[in-house]
Amino acid sequence: MTSETHSDFQHDSASSRRDFLRTSVFGGAVTSLAQLLRAEESAGVRSSSKAVIFVHLDGGPPQLDMIDLKPQAPVEIRGDFQPIATAVPGIQICELLPKLASIADRVTFVRSLVGSAGAHDAFQCQSGFVAKELQSLGGRPALGSVVSKLCGSTSDAAPSFVDLMQGRALVRNSARPGFLGPAFQPFRPDISHLFARELEPGMKNELARLGANHSVSLKLDGAINVDRLSDRTTLLAQFDSFRREVDAAGMMTAMDRFTQQAVGILTSGRFADALDFNKEDPRVLDHYTLRKTSGQPNLTSEGPESTRKFLLARRLIDAGVRCVSLSISDFDTHSDNFPRMRHVLPIVDHGLSALITDLEQRGQLNDVTIVAWGEFGRTPRVDPKSGGRHHWPQVGPAILAGGGLRGGVALGETDRTASTAIARPVHYKEVFATIYHNLGIDPHRTALTDPQGRPQHLLDEGLPIRELI
């Protein structure tokens, strides 16, 4: 270690080191951060205060039971729920979304989302592209990985892209960096101790086959104590398993300055503090807390406490993260659609409304774009045997807010059974063009170099949604 590096480390405060130890982030976090930082510096990146929060409605949300109810349709199509008025005259949404209804003037309801690949993951919701695009080169990168490349900085106190998704989006690595390579993968803290999300047996097997490197355990190597954290050389020496893993993968042979900087980010306390709800104002924590729901959760559904994921996302944005992805499960309602919606829709209603109003009160809503959507919609006709709605790629719902977008809008129209878009269809790529616009990035003029040295524009089609900007 050079004297310059040692001197830099001595400037870290003892309290910051203790904060890091209490938060207990395992050395594996250094891996993804170090890779991220290495590539960010080589990209000639810039900083920005704009951010995006993706909310994946895991499994495919039912358009007819959320924001596009058809009360005049036959009972086997319209289902159990009634529409209610919102704060915007002429716009109605589901009775299970009363809090969103009360702030509808700050929200856009897209009723005509089209172009679904029909894939049961969140990749299209993270990138705008289907998985086969540039697959031979590694595939298209998620927007968060693009933001890491373009907008990050090696001096940032937090990684640019954080993936909090659980369920099938995690199993299928939906937030992947594509042809940008592993240096731009998201940082995935293990949040299972905060939010339980039971996987289906098949998904557990799938995750096991893919290996154990999908998330970072929030436990520090027991051989490290507070006193030894004061010596960076000793600290790095303790990550024996990390060093062996890195060397085996051929990514690096020693702890270079990027890894040291990654450790510096973790020891600074800023990112670690964002993961600690004990550091939040109890009144704000209560604002995000849902006590109970009236429905019947499925095995793979999350509990009311999952509304705090929205708070975690906001805290990460405050810490300097530019893109956060989270998930709410489980919308894959092949059976018992209505009792399961009575459980999960109040979670979405409370979490989204709490996030929007909190950001507004903090003066941040215009800087943070929020997009809540899923991989497809669900069948208009209810299965008479199972009481479920099945996959329906033809059209789906999306909810947008923040980022300076115009609120109080119900965009698009479907036919009398919500089977197909008949007016103003909105493609996934149009939503991504809008997000890039809000981030100050022109996706049609900005290109990334693929592994063969060719420029690839961020989007190949789709313009920002003119009705919203």
Protein backbone atom coordinates (compact mmCIF):
# COMPACT_ATOMS: atom_id res chain seq x y z
CA MET A 1 0.00 0.00 0.00
CA THR A 2 1.36 3.40 -0.92
CA SER A 3 1.64 6.20 1.60
CA GLU A 4 -0.92 8.18 -0.42
CA THR A 5 -3.47 5.40 -0.16
CA HIS A 6 -2.77 4.90 3.53
CA SER A 7 -3.12 8.63 4.14
CA ASP A 8 -6.45 8.71 2.34
CA PHE A 9 -7.72 5.89 4.47
CA GLN A 10 -6.65 7.59 7.68
CA HIS A 11 -9.10 10.39 6.87
CA ASP A 12 -12.01 7.98 7.33
CA SER A 13 -13.59 8.63 10.72
CA ALA A 14 -13.76 5.96 13.38
CA SER A 15 -17.51 6.47 13.64
CA SER A 16 -17.93 5.77 9.93
CA ARG A 17 -16.05 2.52 10.29
CA ARG A 18 -18.25 1.52 13.20
CA ASP A 19 -21.34 2.40 11.17
CA PHE A 20 -20.09 0.06 8.49
CA LEU A 21 -19.49 -2.72 10.97
CA ARG A 22 -22.94 -2.34 12.50
CA THR A 23 -24.54 -2.44 9.05
CA SER A 24 -22.37 -5.49 8.35
CA VAL A 25 -22.05 -5.61 4.60
CA PHE A 26 -20.13 -8.68 3.48
CA GLY A 27 -17.07 -8.34 1.26
CA GLY A 28 -19.02 -9.60 -1.75
CA ALA A 29 -20.50 -6.12 -2.00
CA VAL A 30 -17.02 -4.87 -2.79
CA THR A 31 -16.94 -7.11 -5.84
CA SER A 32 -19.85 -5.53 -7.66
CA LEU A 33 -18.97 -2.02 -6.53
CA ALA A 34 -15.37 -2.37 -7.60
CA GLN A 35 -16.41 -3.62 -11.03
CA LEU A 36 -18.92 -0.82 -11.29
CA LEU A 37 -16.42 1.87 -10.36
CA ARG A 38 -13.74 0.53 -12.71
CA ALA A 39 -15.99 0.83 -15.72
CA GLU A 40 -17.54 4.14 -14.70
CA GLU A 41 -14.21 5.93 -14.66
CA SER A 42 -13.25 4.61 -18.09
CA ALA A 43 -16.55 5.87 -19.51
CA GLY A 44 -15.91 9.54 -18.85
CA VAL A 45 -19.12 9.80 -16.87
CA ARG A 46 -20.92 12.77 -15.34
CA SER A 47 -23.07 13.30 -12.30
CA SER A 48 -26.79 14.09 -12.07
CA SER A 49 -29.41 14.57 -9.37
CA LYS A 50 -32.15 12.97 -11.48
CA ALA A 51 -33.22 9.45 -10.58
CA VAL A 52 -35.73 6.72 -11.38
CA ILE A 53 -37.56 4.15 -9.25
CA PHE A 54 -38.93 1.08 -11.01
CA VAL A 55 -41.70 -0.81 -9.22
CA HIS A 56 -42.13 -4.27 -10.73
CA LEU A 57 -45.62 -5.64 -10.17
CA ASP A 58 -44.26 -9.15 -10.14
CA GLY A 59 -46.23 -11.68 -12.17
CA GLY A 60 -48.29 -9.43 -14.42
CA PRO A 61 -50.88 -6.97 -13.03
CA PRO A 62 -54.57 -7.23 -14.06
CA GLN A 63 -55.61 -4.14 -15.98
CA LEU A 64 -59.34 -4.77 -15.35
CA ASP A 65 -58.85 -4.89 -11.57
CA MET A 66 -56.64 -1.82 -11.26
CA ILE A 67 -57.00 1.17 -13.55
CA ASP A 68 -59.18 0.03 -16.47
CA LEU A 69 -62.33 -1.38 -14.94
CA LYS A 70 -65.23 -2.27 -17.21
CA PRO A 71 -68.33 -2.12 -14.99
CA GLN A 72 -70.69 -2.61 -17.95
CA ALA A 73 -68.98 -5.81 -19.11
CA PRO A 74 -70.39 -9.27 -18.29
CA VAL A 75 -69.62 -10.46 -14.76
CA GLU A 76 -67.11 -13.06 -15.96
CA ILE A 77 -65.06 -10.16 -17.35
CA ARG A 78 -65.67 -7.22 -15.02
CA GLY A 79 -64.99 -9.25 -11.88
CA ASP A 80 -65.67 -8.35 -8.26
CA PHE A 81 -64.44 -4.78 -7.94
CA GLN A 82 -66.14 -1.45 -8.50
CA PRO A 83 -64.63 1.74 -9.93
CA ILE A 84 -64.34 4.82 -7.71
CA ALA A 85 -63.94 8.49 -8.55
CA THR A 86 -60.52 10.10 -8.27
CA ALA A 87 -59.31 13.63 -7.62
CA VAL A 88 -59.50 14.17 -11.38
CA PRO A 89 -63.03 14.39 -12.82
CA GLY A 90 -63.70 11.67 -15.36
CA ILE A 91 -60.96 9.32 -14.18
CA GLN A 92 -61.98 6.25 -12.20
CA ILE A 93 -59.83 3.44 -10.81
CA CYS A 94 -60.37 0.39 -8.60
CA GLU A 95 -61.96 0.73 -5.18
CA LEU A 96 -58.87 -1.00 -3.73
CA LEU A 97 -56.71 2.00 -4.74
CA PRO A 98 -58.34 4.85 -2.78
CA LYS A 99 -55.08 6.58 -1.81
CA LEU A 100 -53.89 6.74 -5.40
CA ALA A 101 -57.36 7.99 -6.33
CA SER A 102 -56.94 10.85 -3.86
CA ILE A 103 -53.69 12.02 -5.51
CA ALA A 104 -54.64 11.23 -9.11
CA ASP A 105 -53.74 14.77 -10.13
CA ARG A 106 -50.06 13.81 -9.61
CA VAL A 107 -50.32 10.46 -11.39
CA THR A 108 -50.59 9.14 -14.96
CA PHE A 109 -52.57 5.95 -15.54
CA VAL A 110 -51.53 4.22 -18.77
CA ARG A 111 -54.34 1.91 -19.84
CA SER A 112 -52.88 0.88 -23.17
CA LEU A 113 -49.37 -0.52 -22.59
CA VAL A 114 -48.44 -2.68 -25.58
CA GLY A 115 -45.45 -4.50 -27.03
CA SER A 116 -45.01 -7.08 -24.27
CA ALA A 117 -42.61 -9.88 -25.09
CA GLY A 118 -44.77 -12.21 -22.99
CA ALA A 119 -41.73 -13.25 -20.95
CA HIS A 120 -42.33 -14.03 -17.28
CA ASP A 121 -39.53 -11.88 -15.89
CA ALA A 122 -38.81 -8.15 -15.53
CA PHE A 123 -36.15 -7.70 -18.20
CA GLN A 124 -38.37 -5.71 -20.58
CA CYS A 125 -39.48 -3.56 -17.63
CA GLN A 126 -35.81 -2.85 -16.93
CA SER A 127 -34.53 -2.27 -20.46
CA GLY A 128 -37.39 -1.73 -22.90
CA PHE A 129 -36.09 -4.58 -25.05
CA VAL A 130 -36.90 -8.25 -25.48
CA ALA A 131 -34.21 -10.67 -24.33
CA LYS A 132 -33.16 -11.78 -27.82
CA GLU A 133 -32.00 -8.26 -28.80
CA LEU A 134 -28.20 -8.40 -29.29
CA GLN A 135 -28.23 -11.72 -27.45
CA SER A 136 -25.08 -12.92 -29.20
CA LEU A 137 -23.23 -9.94 -27.71
CA GLY A 138 -24.61 -10.40 -24.22
CA GLY A 139 -27.97 -8.72 -24.70
CA ARG A 140 -29.20 -5.20 -24.10
CA PRO A 141 -28.36 -3.61 -20.74
CA ALA A 142 -30.91 -2.58 -18.14
CA LEU A 143 -31.47 1.17 -17.88
CA GLY A 144 -29.81 1.21 -14.46
CA SER A 145 -26.66 -0.26 -15.97
CA VAL A 146 -26.75 2.38 -18.70
CA VAL A 147 -27.10 5.09 -16.06
CA SER A 148 -24.12 3.60 -14.21
CA LYS A 149 -22.09 3.87 -17.40
CA LEU A 150 -23.16 7.37 -18.35
CA CYS A 151 -24.00 9.20 -15.14
CA GLY A 152 -21.93 7.61 -12.42
CA SER A 153 -18.67 8.83 -10.97
CA THR A 154 -15.82 7.17 -9.17
CA SER A 155 -16.24 9.76 -6.42
CA ASP A 156 -19.89 8.89 -5.74
CA ALA A 157 -20.78 7.86 -2.20
CA ALA A 158 -23.18 5.17 -3.46
CA PRO A 159 -23.46 2.83 -6.44
CA SER A 160 -25.53 4.16 -9.32
CA PHE A 161 -27.82 1.14 -9.67
CA VAL A 162 -29.39 -0.86 -6.84
CA ASP A 163 -31.64 -3.89 -7.43
CA LEU A 164 -34.06 -4.66 -4.60
CA MET A 165 -36.22 -6.99 -6.71
CA GLN A 166 -37.18 -10.35 -5.27
CA GLY A 167 -39.06 -13.26 -6.80
CA ARG A 168 -38.88 -14.18 -10.46
CA ALA A 169 -37.14 -10.92 -11.36
CA LEU A 170 -34.22 -11.97 -9.16
CA VAL A 171 -34.26 -15.60 -10.29
CA ARG A 172 -34.12 -14.57 -13.93
CA ASN A 173 -31.55 -11.82 -13.38
CA SER A 174 -33.83 -9.23 -14.95
CA ALA A 175 -31.67 -6.23 -14.02
CA ARG A 176 -28.69 -7.48 -15.97
CA PRO A 177 -25.97 -5.34 -17.58
CA GLY A 178 -26.05 -7.09 -20.96
CA PHE A 179 -23.19 -6.33 -23.32
CA LEU A 180 -21.79 -3.74 -20.89
CA GLY A 181 -20.45 -6.65 -18.87
CA PRO A 182 -20.35 -7.51 -15.17
CA ALA A 183 -18.65 -4.24 -14.22
CA PHE A 184 -22.04 -2.56 -14.64
CA GLN A 185 -24.20 -5.07 -12.83
CA PRO A 186 -26.44 -3.63 -10.12
CA PHE A 187 -25.55 -3.76 -6.45
CA ARG A 188 -27.96 -6.25 -4.83
CA PRO A 189 -28.07 -6.00 -1.05
CA ASP A 190 -29.73 -8.95 0.63
CA ILE A 191 -32.99 -7.53 2.03
CA SER A 192 -34.58 -10.88 2.93
CA HIS A 193 -34.28 -10.06 6.64
CA LEU A 194 -36.47 -7.02 6.04
CA PHE A 195 -38.90 -8.36 3.45
CA ALA A 196 -39.80 -12.00 3.04
CA ARG A 197 -40.67 -13.23 -0.44
CA GLU A 198 -41.23 -16.97 -0.71
CA LEU A 199 -40.29 -18.43 -4.08
CA GLU A 200 -42.22 -21.12 -5.88
CA PRO A 201 -40.47 -24.53 -5.69
CA GLY A 202 -39.54 -24.40 -9.37
CA MET A 203 -38.04 -20.95 -8.97
CA LYS A 204 -36.01 -22.09 -5.97
CA ASN A 205 -34.53 -24.86 -8.10
CA GLU A 206 -33.85 -22.42 -10.91
CA LEU A 207 -32.07 -20.02 -8.58
CA ALA A 208 -30.02 -22.84 -7.10
CA ARG A 209 -28.86 -23.92 -10.56
CA LEU A 210 -27.71 -20.38 -11.32
CA GLY A 211 -25.50 -20.19 -8.24
CA ALA A 212 -25.42 -18.16 -5.08
CA ASN A 213 -24.08 -14.83 -6.32
CA HIS A 214 -27.42 -13.08 -6.83
CA SER A 215 -27.34 -10.93 -3.72
CA VAL A 216 -24.96 -9.69 -1.06
CA SER A 217 -25.28 -11.05 2.45
CA LEU A 218 -25.48 -8.33 5.06
CA LYS A 219 -22.96 -10.07 7.32
CA LEU A 220 -19.33 -9.15 7.74
CA ASP A 221 -16.55 -11.70 7.99
CA GLY A 222 -16.40 -12.55 11.70
CA ALA A 223 -12.60 -12.25 11.69
CA ILE A 224 -12.90 -8.46 11.28
CA ASN A 225 -13.47 -6.25 14.29
CA VAL A 226 -13.73 -2.49 14.76
CA ASP A 227 -10.07 -1.96 15.68
CA ARG A 228 -8.82 -3.83 12.65
CA LEU A 229 -11.01 -1.74 10.37
CA SER A 230 -8.63 1.15 11.07
CA ASP A 231 -6.00 -0.53 8.94
CA ARG A 232 -7.03 -0.88 5.32
CA THR A 233 -4.29 -3.37 4.59
CA THR A 234 -5.59 -5.63 7.33
CA LEU A 235 -9.18 -5.10 6.21
CA LEU A 236 -8.45 -6.16 2.63
CA ALA A 237 -6.45 -9.12 3.81
CA GLN A 238 -9.51 -10.50 5.59
CA PHE A 239 -11.53 -10.86 2.40
CA ASP A 240 -9.76 -14.13 1.58
CA SER A 241 -12.79 -15.80 0.03
CA PHE A 242 -13.52 -12.66 -1.99
CA ARG A 243 -9.95 -12.50 -3.30
CA ARG A 244 -10.01 -16.18 -4.26
CA GLU A 245 -13.32 -15.75 -6.05
CA VAL A 246 -12.05 -12.72 -7.96
CA ASP A 247 -8.80 -14.43 -8.91
CA ALA A 248 -10.60 -17.58 -10.00
CA ALA A 249 -12.87 -15.50 -12.22
CA GLY A 250 -9.85 -13.77 -13.73
CA MET A 251 -11.28 -10.28 -13.12
CA MET A 252 -8.31 -9.00 -11.12
CA THR A 253 -5.33 -10.38 -9.30
CA ALA A 254 -5.06 -7.88 -6.48
CA MET A 255 -7.01 -5.23 -4.64
CA ASP A 256 -6.49 -2.20 -6.85
CA ARG A 257 -7.63 1.32 -6.17
CA PHE A 258 -11.14 0.62 -7.48
CA THR A 259 -11.64 -2.08 -4.88
CA GLN A 260 -10.20 0.20 -2.22
CA GLN A 261 -12.65 2.89 -3.31
CA ALA A 262 -15.50 0.38 -3.12
CA VAL A 263 -14.48 -0.40 0.44
CA GLY A 264 -14.33 3.33 1.06
CA ILE A 265 -17.93 3.72 -0.11
CA LEU A 266 -19.05 0.96 2.21
CA THR A 267 -17.08 2.28 5.17
CA SER A 268 -18.25 5.86 4.63
CA GLY A 269 -21.56 5.01 6.26
CA ARG A 270 -23.76 6.90 3.79
CA PHE A 271 -24.94 3.92 1.79
CA ALA A 272 -25.03 1.68 4.83
CA ASP A 273 -27.18 4.17 6.70
CA ALA A 274 -29.72 4.19 3.88
CA LEU A 275 -30.41 0.51 4.56
CA ASP A 276 -31.10 1.13 8.23
CA PHE A 277 -34.70 2.11 9.05
CA ASN A 278 -33.63 2.95 12.61
CA LYS A 279 -32.09 6.10 11.17
CA GLU A 280 -35.41 7.30 9.72
CA ASP A 281 -37.80 9.71 11.42
CA PRO A 282 -40.45 7.50 13.13
CA ARG A 283 -43.20 9.70 11.68
CA VAL A 284 -41.93 9.06 8.15
CA LEU A 285 -41.60 5.35 8.86
CA ASP A 286 -45.20 5.34 10.04
CA HIS A 287 -46.24 7.19 6.86
CA TYR A 288 -45.00 4.23 4.80
CA THR A 289 -46.35 1.52 7.11
CA LEU A 290 -49.46 -0.48 6.22
CA ARG A 291 -50.89 -2.37 9.18
CA LYS A 292 -52.95 -5.01 7.41
CA THR A 293 -54.90 -5.97 4.31
CA SER A 294 -58.28 -7.64 4.01
CA GLY A 295 -57.44 -10.22 1.35
CA GLN A 296 -56.01 -13.70 1.31
CA PRO A 297 -52.28 -13.75 0.53
CA ASN A 298 -50.85 -16.55 -1.54
CA LEU A 299 -47.71 -18.46 -0.51
CA THR A 300 -45.64 -16.17 -2.74
CA SER A 301 -47.34 -12.93 -1.72
CA GLU A 302 -45.57 -10.42 0.47
CA GLY A 303 -46.98 -9.01 3.67
CA PRO A 304 -48.12 -5.45 4.44
CA GLU A 305 -44.60 -4.62 5.65
CA SER A 306 -43.45 -4.61 2.01
CA THR A 307 -44.78 -1.05 1.69
CA ARG A 308 -41.53 -0.04 3.38
CA LYS A 309 -39.67 -1.07 0.23
CA PHE A 310 -40.82 2.25 -1.19
CA LEU A 311 -39.19 4.04 1.74
CA LEU A 312 -36.00 2.07 1.24
CA ALA A 313 -35.95 3.15 -2.39
CA ARG A 314 -36.35 6.80 -1.41
CA ARG A 315 -33.59 6.52 1.19
CA LEU A 316 -31.24 5.03 -1.41
CA ILE A 317 -32.03 7.88 -3.80
CA ASP A 318 -31.19 10.30 -0.98
CA ALA A 319 -27.88 8.48 -0.53
CA GLY A 320 -26.98 9.14 -4.18
CA VAL A 321 -28.30 6.07 -6.01
CA ARG A 322 -29.64 6.98 -9.45
CA CYS A 323 -31.75 3.93 -10.28
CA VAL A 324 -33.58 1.68 -7.81
CA SER A 325 -35.69 -1.33 -8.77
CA LEU A 326 -38.06 -3.01 -6.34
CA SER A 327 -40.83 -5.58 -6.65
CA ILE A 328 -44.23 -6.23 -5.13
CA SER A 329 -45.53 -9.80 -5.35
CA ASP A 330 -47.54 -11.73 -6.34
CA PHE A 331 -49.64 -10.76 -9.34
CA ASP A 332 -49.37 -14.15 -11.05
CA THR A 333 -52.98 -14.95 -10.21
CA HIS A 334 -53.85 -18.04 -12.21
CA SER A 335 -56.21 -18.86 -9.33
CA ASP A 336 -58.13 -16.89 -6.69
CA ASN A 337 -57.51 -13.60 -8.45
CA PHE A 338 -59.94 -11.50 -6.42
CA PRO A 339 -59.03 -12.49 -2.84
CA ARG A 340 -55.37 -12.18 -3.78
CA MET A 341 -55.94 -8.72 -5.27
CA ARG A 342 -57.66 -7.68 -2.03
CA HIS A 343 -54.32 -8.43 -0.37
CA VAL A 344 -51.78 -7.07 -2.84
CA LEU A 345 -53.49 -3.99 -4.31
CA PRO A 346 -53.69 -2.17 -0.94
CA ILE A 347 -49.92 -2.70 -0.66
CA VAL A 348 -49.34 -1.04 -4.02
CA ASP A 349 -51.86 1.69 -3.18
CA HIS A 350 -50.27 2.55 0.16
CA GLY A 351 -46.65 2.20 -0.97
CA LEU A 352 -46.96 4.27 -4.14
CA SER A 353 -49.05 7.02 -2.55
CA ALA A 354 -46.68 7.23 0.43
CA LEU A 355 -43.68 7.53 -1.91
CA ILE A 356 -45.29 10.17 -4.13
CA THR A 357 -46.49 12.34 -1.25
CA ASP A 358 -43.22 11.98 0.66
CA LEU A 359 -41.14 13.02 -2.36
CA GLU A 360 -43.51 15.91 -2.97
CA GLN A 361 -43.21 17.15 0.61
CA ARG A 362 -39.43 16.90 0.37
CA GLY A 363 -39.36 18.87 -2.90
CA GLN A 364 -37.94 15.88 -4.80
CA LEU A 365 -40.87 14.67 -6.87
CA ASN A 366 -39.83 16.50 -10.04
CA ASP A 367 -36.39 14.89 -9.87
CA VAL A 368 -37.51 11.28 -9.36
CA THR A 369 -39.45 9.39 -12.02
CA ILE A 370 -41.60 6.52 -10.71
CA VAL A 371 -42.81 3.72 -12.98
CA ALA A 372 -44.99 0.86 -11.70
CA TRP A 373 -45.78 -1.92 -14.17
CA GLY A 374 -45.35 -5.60 -14.95
CA GLU A 375 -44.40 -7.96 -17.74
CA PHE A 376 -47.94 -8.11 -19.19
CA GLY A 377 -51.61 -7.75 -18.29
CA ARG A 378 -54.06 -10.52 -17.49
CA THR A 379 -56.91 -12.17 -19.34
CA PRO A 380 -60.19 -10.28 -19.53
CA ARG A 381 -62.20 -13.42 -18.89
CA VAL A 382 -61.97 -14.98 -15.44
CA ASP A 383 -61.25 -18.71 -15.45
CA PRO A 384 -64.50 -20.29 -14.18
CA LYS A 385 -62.63 -23.24 -12.64
CA SER A 386 -59.79 -21.49 -10.84
CA GLY A 387 -61.17 -18.00 -10.39
CA GLY A 388 -57.94 -16.68 -11.86
CA ARG A 389 -56.81 -14.47 -14.70
CA HIS A 390 -54.04 -15.78 -16.94
CA HIS A 391 -51.22 -14.12 -18.92
CA TRP A 392 -52.30 -11.47 -21.45
CA PRO A 393 -49.43 -9.84 -23.42
CA GLN A 394 -51.80 -7.93 -25.73
CA VAL A 395 -52.28 -5.02 -23.33
CA GLY A 396 -51.39 -4.11 -19.77
CA PRO A 397 -51.41 -1.24 -17.23
CA ALA A 398 -48.73 1.15 -16.05
CA ILE A 399 -48.67 3.91 -13.42
CA LEU A 400 -46.25 6.85 -13.77
CA ALA A 401 -45.52 9.77 -11.47
CA GLY A 402 -42.83 12.34 -10.74
CA GLY A 403 -39.99 13.38 -12.98
CA GLY A 404 -41.81 16.55 -13.94
CA LEU A 405 -44.42 14.52 -15.83
CA ARG A 406 -47.92 15.89 -16.20
CA GLY A 407 -50.31 14.26 -13.74
CA GLY A 408 -54.04 13.78 -13.79
CA VAL A 409 -53.91 11.85 -17.05
CA ALA A 410 -55.56 8.60 -18.10
CA LEU A 411 -53.64 7.70 -21.23
CA GLY A 412 -54.95 5.31 -23.85
CA GLU A 413 -58.15 3.37 -24.25
CA THR A 414 -59.02 -0.31 -24.59
CA ASP A 415 -62.07 -2.03 -26.04
CA ARG A 416 -65.12 -2.95 -23.96
CA THR A 417 -63.37 -6.00 -22.44
CA ALA A 418 -59.89 -4.45 -21.97
CA SER A 419 -58.58 -6.99 -24.46
CA THR A 420 -56.77 -4.66 -26.84
CA ALA A 421 -55.77 -1.01 -27.17
CA ILE A 422 -58.06 0.94 -29.48
CA ALA A 423 -56.68 4.44 -28.85
CA ARG A 424 -53.19 5.75 -28.08
CA PRO A 425 -51.27 2.53 -27.56
CA VAL A 426 -48.13 3.16 -25.49
CA HIS A 427 -45.10 0.93 -26.09
CA TYR A 428 -42.56 0.00 -23.42
CA LYS A 429 -39.91 1.84 -25.41
CA GLU A 430 -41.94 5.05 -25.32
CA VAL A 431 -41.92 4.85 -21.54
CA PHE A 432 -38.16 4.34 -21.58
CA ALA A 433 -37.72 7.27 -23.96
CA THR A 434 -39.67 9.36 -21.46
CA ILE A 435 -37.50 8.19 -18.56
CA TYR A 436 -34.30 8.96 -20.46
CA HIS A 437 -35.73 12.39 -21.30
CA ASN A 438 -36.34 13.02 -17.59
CA LEU A 439 -32.78 11.94 -16.82
CA GLY A 440 -31.43 14.40 -19.38
CA ILE A 441 -30.24 11.69 -21.79
CA ASP A 442 -31.13 11.55 -25.49
CA PRO A 443 -31.43 7.80 -26.17
CA HIS A 444 -31.37 8.24 -29.95
CA ARG A 445 -28.19 10.31 -30.00
CA THR A 446 -26.36 8.51 -27.20
CA ALA A 447 -24.60 5.27 -28.06
CA LEU A 448 -22.67 2.64 -26.13
CA THR A 449 -19.91 0.56 -27.66
CA ASP A 450 -20.67 -3.15 -27.85
CA PRO A 451 -18.01 -5.89 -27.49
CA GLN A 452 -17.39 -5.81 -31.26
CA GLY A 453 -16.61 -2.10 -31.15
CA ARG A 454 -19.87 -0.99 -32.75
CA PRO A 455 -22.02 1.85 -31.40
CA GLN A 456 -25.44 0.84 -30.07
CA HIS A 457 -27.94 3.60 -29.41
CA LEU A 458 -29.80 3.34 -26.12
CA LEU A 459 -33.11 2.97 -27.97
CA ASP A 460 -33.78 1.99 -31.57
CA GLU A 461 -37.31 3.44 -31.57
CA GLY A 462 -39.81 5.21 -29.32
CA LEU A 463 -40.16 8.89 -28.48
CA PRO A 464 -40.96 10.54 -25.15
CA ILE A 465 -44.69 10.49 -24.42
CA ARG A 466 -45.75 13.90 -25.71
CA GLU A 467 -48.88 14.01 -23.56
CA LEU A 468 -46.78 13.92 -20.39
CA ILE A 469 -43.81 16.24 -21.01
